[in-house]
Amino acid sequence: MAGVVAGAASGTLRGFCQDCAQDFPFRHGGALVGNAGYRVSPRTAVGADVFWMQWRNDSGRIRATAIDAVAQFRPWTSKGFFVKGGAGMAF
């Protein structure tokens, strides 16, 4: 069984702006998230997560995108507990 999920989120990114009037390196704002996955077995699922965020001011904008490959394992199929691991890249 395959599935796709998308939605809105809130995030924090760290960026440096030489021309910005603000002195703080952390920027807060809205973000978009997405997930696509496939159930391999009743206990195991694999997929990909995407997170995209943009922050802008008068002198420019900072964009961040993170892409992760993930695997999820449920030791007990009747319980909500799961172990999730992944690896990815942000740019």
N, C-alpha and C. Protein backbone atom coordinates (compact mmCIF):
# COMPACT_ATOMS: atom_id res chain seq x y z
N MET A 1 0.83 -1.16 0.00
CA MET A 1 0.00 0.00 0.00
C MET A 1 0.89 1.24 0.00
N ALA A 2 0.64 2.17 -0.87
CA ALA A 2 1.42 3.40 -0.98
C ALA A 2 0.60 4.58 -0.48
N GLY A 3 1.28 5.61 -0.05
CA GLY A 3 0.59 6.79 0.43
C GLY A 3 1.41 8.05 0.24
N VAL A 4 0.72 9.18 0.11
CA VAL A 4 1.36 10.48 -0.03
C VAL A 4 0.65 11.45 0.92
N VAL A 5 1.44 12.22 1.67
CA VAL A 5 0.89 13.19 2.61
C VAL A 5 1.62 14.51 2.41
N ALA A 6 0.89 15.63 2.46
CA ALA A 6 1.50 16.96 2.37
C ALA A 6 0.80 17.87 3.35
N GLY A 7 1.52 18.88 3.82
CA GLY A 7 0.91 19.79 4.77
C GLY A 7 1.79 20.98 5.08
N ALA A 8 1.33 21.78 6.01
CA ALA A 8 2.04 22.98 6.44
C ALA A 8 2.69 22.71 7.80
N ALA A 9 3.76 23.44 8.06
CA ALA A 9 4.48 23.29 9.32
C ALA A 9 5.10 24.63 9.69
N SER A 10 5.71 24.67 10.84
CA SER A 10 6.47 25.83 11.28
C SER A 10 7.89 25.35 11.53
N GLY A 11 8.85 26.17 11.16
CA GLY A 11 10.23 25.74 11.29
C GLY A 11 11.17 26.87 11.65
N THR A 12 12.40 26.49 11.94
CA THR A 12 13.46 27.44 12.25
C THR A 12 14.65 27.08 11.39
N LEU A 13 15.24 28.08 10.74
CA LEU A 13 16.45 27.84 9.98
C LEU A 13 17.51 28.82 10.42
N ARG A 14 18.74 28.44 10.19
CA ARG A 14 19.85 29.31 10.56
C ARG A 14 20.50 29.80 9.29
N GLY A 15 20.59 31.10 9.16
CA GLY A 15 21.19 31.68 7.97
C GLY A 15 21.87 32.99 8.30
N PHE A 16 22.82 33.36 7.49
CA PHE A 16 23.56 34.59 7.72
C PHE A 16 23.28 35.55 6.58
N CYS A 17 23.04 36.79 6.91
CA CYS A 17 22.75 37.81 5.91
C CYS A 17 23.62 39.03 6.23
N GLN A 18 24.55 39.37 5.33
CA GLN A 18 25.47 40.48 5.57
C GLN A 18 24.77 41.83 5.55
N ASP A 19 23.71 41.96 4.76
CA ASP A 19 23.03 43.24 4.61
C ASP A 19 21.81 43.39 5.50
N CYS A 20 21.50 42.40 6.31
CA CYS A 20 20.29 42.44 7.14
C CYS A 20 20.51 43.31 8.37
N ALA A 21 19.46 43.98 8.78
CA ALA A 21 19.53 44.81 9.97
C ALA A 21 19.47 43.98 11.24
N GLN A 22 18.86 42.80 11.19
CA GLN A 22 18.76 41.95 12.36
C GLN A 22 20.11 41.34 12.71
N ASP A 23 20.29 41.08 14.00
CA ASP A 23 21.55 40.57 14.49
C ASP A 23 21.51 39.08 14.80
N PHE A 24 20.34 38.44 14.73
CA PHE A 24 20.19 37.06 15.14
C PHE A 24 20.33 36.11 13.94
N PRO A 25 20.97 34.93 14.13
CA PRO A 25 21.17 34.01 13.01
C PRO A 25 20.01 33.04 12.77
N PHE A 26 19.03 32.98 13.68
CA PHE A 26 17.93 32.04 13.53
C PHE A 26 16.70 32.74 12.98
N ARG A 27 16.08 32.16 11.97
CA ARG A 27 14.88 32.71 11.35
C ARG A 27 13.73 31.73 11.53
N HIS A 28 12.56 32.23 11.89
CA HIS A 28 11.39 31.40 12.11
C HIS A 28 10.34 31.72 11.06
N GLY A 29 9.61 30.70 10.61
CA GLY A 29 8.57 30.94 9.62
C GLY A 29 7.81 29.68 9.26
N GLY A 30 6.92 29.83 8.31
CA GLY A 30 6.12 28.71 7.83
C GLY A 30 6.93 27.81 6.90
N ALA A 31 6.46 26.59 6.73
CA ALA A 31 7.17 25.61 5.90
C ALA A 31 6.16 24.67 5.25
N LEU A 32 6.61 23.97 4.25
CA LEU A 32 5.83 22.92 3.60
C LEU A 32 6.52 21.59 3.83
N VAL A 33 5.73 20.56 4.11
CA VAL A 33 6.28 19.23 4.33
C VAL A 33 5.54 18.22 3.46
N GLY A 34 6.23 17.18 3.09
CA GLY A 34 5.62 16.12 2.30
C GLY A 34 6.25 14.78 2.64
N ASN A 35 5.48 13.73 2.45
CA ASN A 35 5.95 12.38 2.74
C ASN A 35 5.31 11.44 1.75
N ALA A 36 6.11 10.57 1.18
CA ALA A 36 5.60 9.52 0.29
C ALA A 36 6.20 8.21 0.79
N GLY A 37 5.36 7.18 0.87
CA GLY A 37 5.85 5.93 1.41
C GLY A 37 5.15 4.72 0.84
N TYR A 38 5.74 3.58 1.15
CA TYR A 38 5.22 2.30 0.68
C TYR A 38 5.33 1.29 1.81
N ARG A 39 4.26 0.55 2.09
CA ARG A 39 4.28 -0.48 3.13
C ARG A 39 4.83 -1.76 2.53
N VAL A 40 5.98 -2.17 3.02
CA VAL A 40 6.65 -3.38 2.53
C VAL A 40 6.00 -4.62 3.14
N SER A 41 5.68 -4.54 4.42
CA SER A 41 5.03 -5.63 5.15
C SER A 41 4.14 -4.99 6.22
N PRO A 42 3.35 -5.78 6.94
CA PRO A 42 2.53 -5.18 8.00
C PRO A 42 3.35 -4.48 9.09
N ARG A 43 4.64 -4.80 9.19
CA ARG A 43 5.49 -4.18 10.21
C ARG A 43 6.48 -3.17 9.67
N THR A 44 6.72 -3.14 8.39
CA THR A 44 7.79 -2.31 7.82
C THR A 44 7.26 -1.41 6.71
N ALA A 45 7.71 -0.15 6.75
CA ALA A 45 7.38 0.81 5.69
C ALA A 45 8.64 1.60 5.33
N VAL A 46 8.74 1.99 4.08
CA VAL A 46 9.86 2.82 3.61
C VAL A 46 9.27 4.02 2.87
N GLY A 47 10.06 5.10 2.81
CA GLY A 47 9.55 6.27 2.13
C GLY A 47 10.56 7.40 2.09
N ALA A 48 10.06 8.59 1.77
CA ALA A 48 10.89 9.78 1.67
C ALA A 48 10.14 10.95 2.30
N ASP A 49 10.89 11.80 3.01
CA ASP A 49 10.35 13.02 3.61
C ASP A 49 10.99 14.22 2.93
N VAL A 50 10.20 15.28 2.70
CA VAL A 50 10.70 16.52 2.12
C VAL A 50 10.22 17.67 3.01
N PHE A 51 11.13 18.59 3.32
CA PHE A 51 10.81 19.78 4.12
C PHE A 51 11.36 20.98 3.38
N TRP A 52 10.52 22.00 3.13
CA TRP A 52 10.95 23.20 2.42
C TRP A 52 10.51 24.43 3.18
N MET A 53 11.42 25.37 3.36
CA MET A 53 11.13 26.59 4.10
C MET A 53 11.83 27.76 3.45
N GLN A 54 11.18 28.92 3.51
CA GLN A 54 11.76 30.14 2.95
C GLN A 54 11.55 31.29 3.93
N TRP A 55 12.56 32.11 4.09
CA TRP A 55 12.45 33.31 4.92
C TRP A 55 12.96 34.47 4.09
N ARG A 56 12.23 35.56 4.10
CA ARG A 56 12.68 36.71 3.32
C ARG A 56 12.51 38.00 4.09
N ASN A 57 13.34 38.98 3.71
CA ASN A 57 13.23 40.34 4.23
C ASN A 57 13.50 41.30 3.09
N ASP A 58 13.72 42.57 3.38
CA ASP A 58 13.91 43.57 2.32
C ASP A 58 15.17 43.34 1.49
N SER A 59 16.20 42.74 2.07
CA SER A 59 17.46 42.59 1.34
C SER A 59 17.68 41.21 0.72
N GLY A 60 16.75 40.31 0.82
CA GLY A 60 16.93 39.01 0.18
C GLY A 60 16.11 37.92 0.83
N ARG A 61 16.44 36.68 0.47
CA ARG A 61 15.73 35.54 1.04
C ARG A 61 16.68 34.37 1.27
N ILE A 62 16.28 33.55 2.21
CA ILE A 62 17.02 32.33 2.55
C ILE A 62 16.06 31.17 2.32
N ARG A 63 16.49 30.16 1.61
CA ARG A 63 15.67 28.96 1.38
C ARG A 63 16.39 27.74 1.93
N ALA A 64 15.62 26.82 2.48
CA ALA A 64 16.18 25.56 2.98
C ALA A 64 15.29 24.41 2.51
N THR A 65 15.93 23.36 2.03
CA THR A 65 15.22 22.16 1.60
C THR A 65 15.94 20.96 2.21
N ALA A 66 15.18 20.07 2.81
CA ALA A 66 15.74 18.84 3.37
C ALA A 66 15.02 17.65 2.75
N ILE A 67 15.77 16.68 2.29
CA ILE A 67 15.23 15.45 1.69
C ILE A 67 15.82 14.27 2.45
N ASP A 68 14.95 13.40 2.96
CA ASP A 68 15.39 12.25 3.75
C ASP A 68 14.75 10.97 3.24
N ALA A 69 15.53 9.90 3.23
CA ALA A 69 15.00 8.55 3.00
C ALA A 69 14.76 7.94 4.38
N VAL A 70 13.60 7.35 4.59
CA VAL A 70 13.24 6.84 5.92
C VAL A 70 12.75 5.40 5.86
N ALA A 71 12.92 4.70 6.98
CA ALA A 71 12.38 3.35 7.15
C ALA A 71 11.73 3.31 8.53
N GLN A 72 10.61 2.65 8.62
CA GLN A 72 9.86 2.57 9.87
C GLN A 72 9.53 1.12 10.17
N PHE A 73 9.76 0.72 11.42
CA PHE A 73 9.50 -0.66 11.83
C PHE A 73 8.59 -0.65 13.05
N ARG A 74 7.54 -1.47 13.03
CA ARG A 74 6.60 -1.63 14.14
C ARG A 74 6.81 -3.01 14.76
N PRO A 75 7.41 -3.07 15.96
CA PRO A 75 7.61 -4.38 16.60
C PRO A 75 6.30 -5.10 16.91
N TRP A 76 5.27 -4.35 17.27
CA TRP A 76 3.95 -4.93 17.57
C TRP A 76 2.94 -4.32 16.61
N THR A 77 2.32 -5.11 15.78
CA THR A 77 1.38 -4.58 14.79
C THR A 77 0.11 -4.02 15.42
N SER A 78 -0.24 -4.46 16.62
CA SER A 78 -1.47 -3.98 17.26
C SER A 78 -1.25 -2.75 18.13
N LYS A 79 -0.03 -2.29 18.29
CA LYS A 79 0.29 -1.12 19.12
C LYS A 79 0.74 0.04 18.23
N GLY A 80 0.74 1.24 18.77
CA GLY A 80 1.15 2.42 18.02
C GLY A 80 2.64 2.69 18.04
N PHE A 81 3.41 1.93 18.81
CA PHE A 81 4.85 2.14 18.94
C PHE A 81 5.57 1.76 17.65
N PHE A 82 6.53 2.61 17.22
CA PHE A 82 7.36 2.29 16.05
C PHE A 82 8.74 2.89 16.22
N VAL A 83 9.70 2.36 15.48
CA VAL A 83 11.06 2.87 15.43
C VAL A 83 11.28 3.37 14.00
N LYS A 84 11.74 4.62 13.89
CA LYS A 84 11.91 5.24 12.57
C LYS A 84 13.34 5.75 12.45
N GLY A 85 13.96 5.48 11.33
CA GLY A 85 15.31 5.96 11.09
C GLY A 85 15.43 6.45 9.67
N GLY A 86 16.39 7.32 9.45
CA GLY A 86 16.54 7.85 8.10
C GLY A 86 17.88 8.54 7.91
N ALA A 87 18.14 8.90 6.70
CA ALA A 87 19.35 9.63 6.34
C ALA A 87 19.00 10.55 5.17
N GLY A 88 19.59 11.70 5.16
CA GLY A 88 19.27 12.62 4.09
C GLY A 88 20.23 13.76 3.98
N MET A 89 19.77 14.79 3.31
CA MET A 89 20.61 15.92 3.01
C MET A 89 19.78 17.20 3.04
N ALA A 90 20.36 18.26 3.51
CA ALA A 90 19.71 19.58 3.50
C ALA A 90 20.55 20.52 2.66
N PHE A 91 19.89 21.31 1.86
CA PHE A 91 20.60 22.33 1.08
C PHE A 91 19.76 23.57 0.96
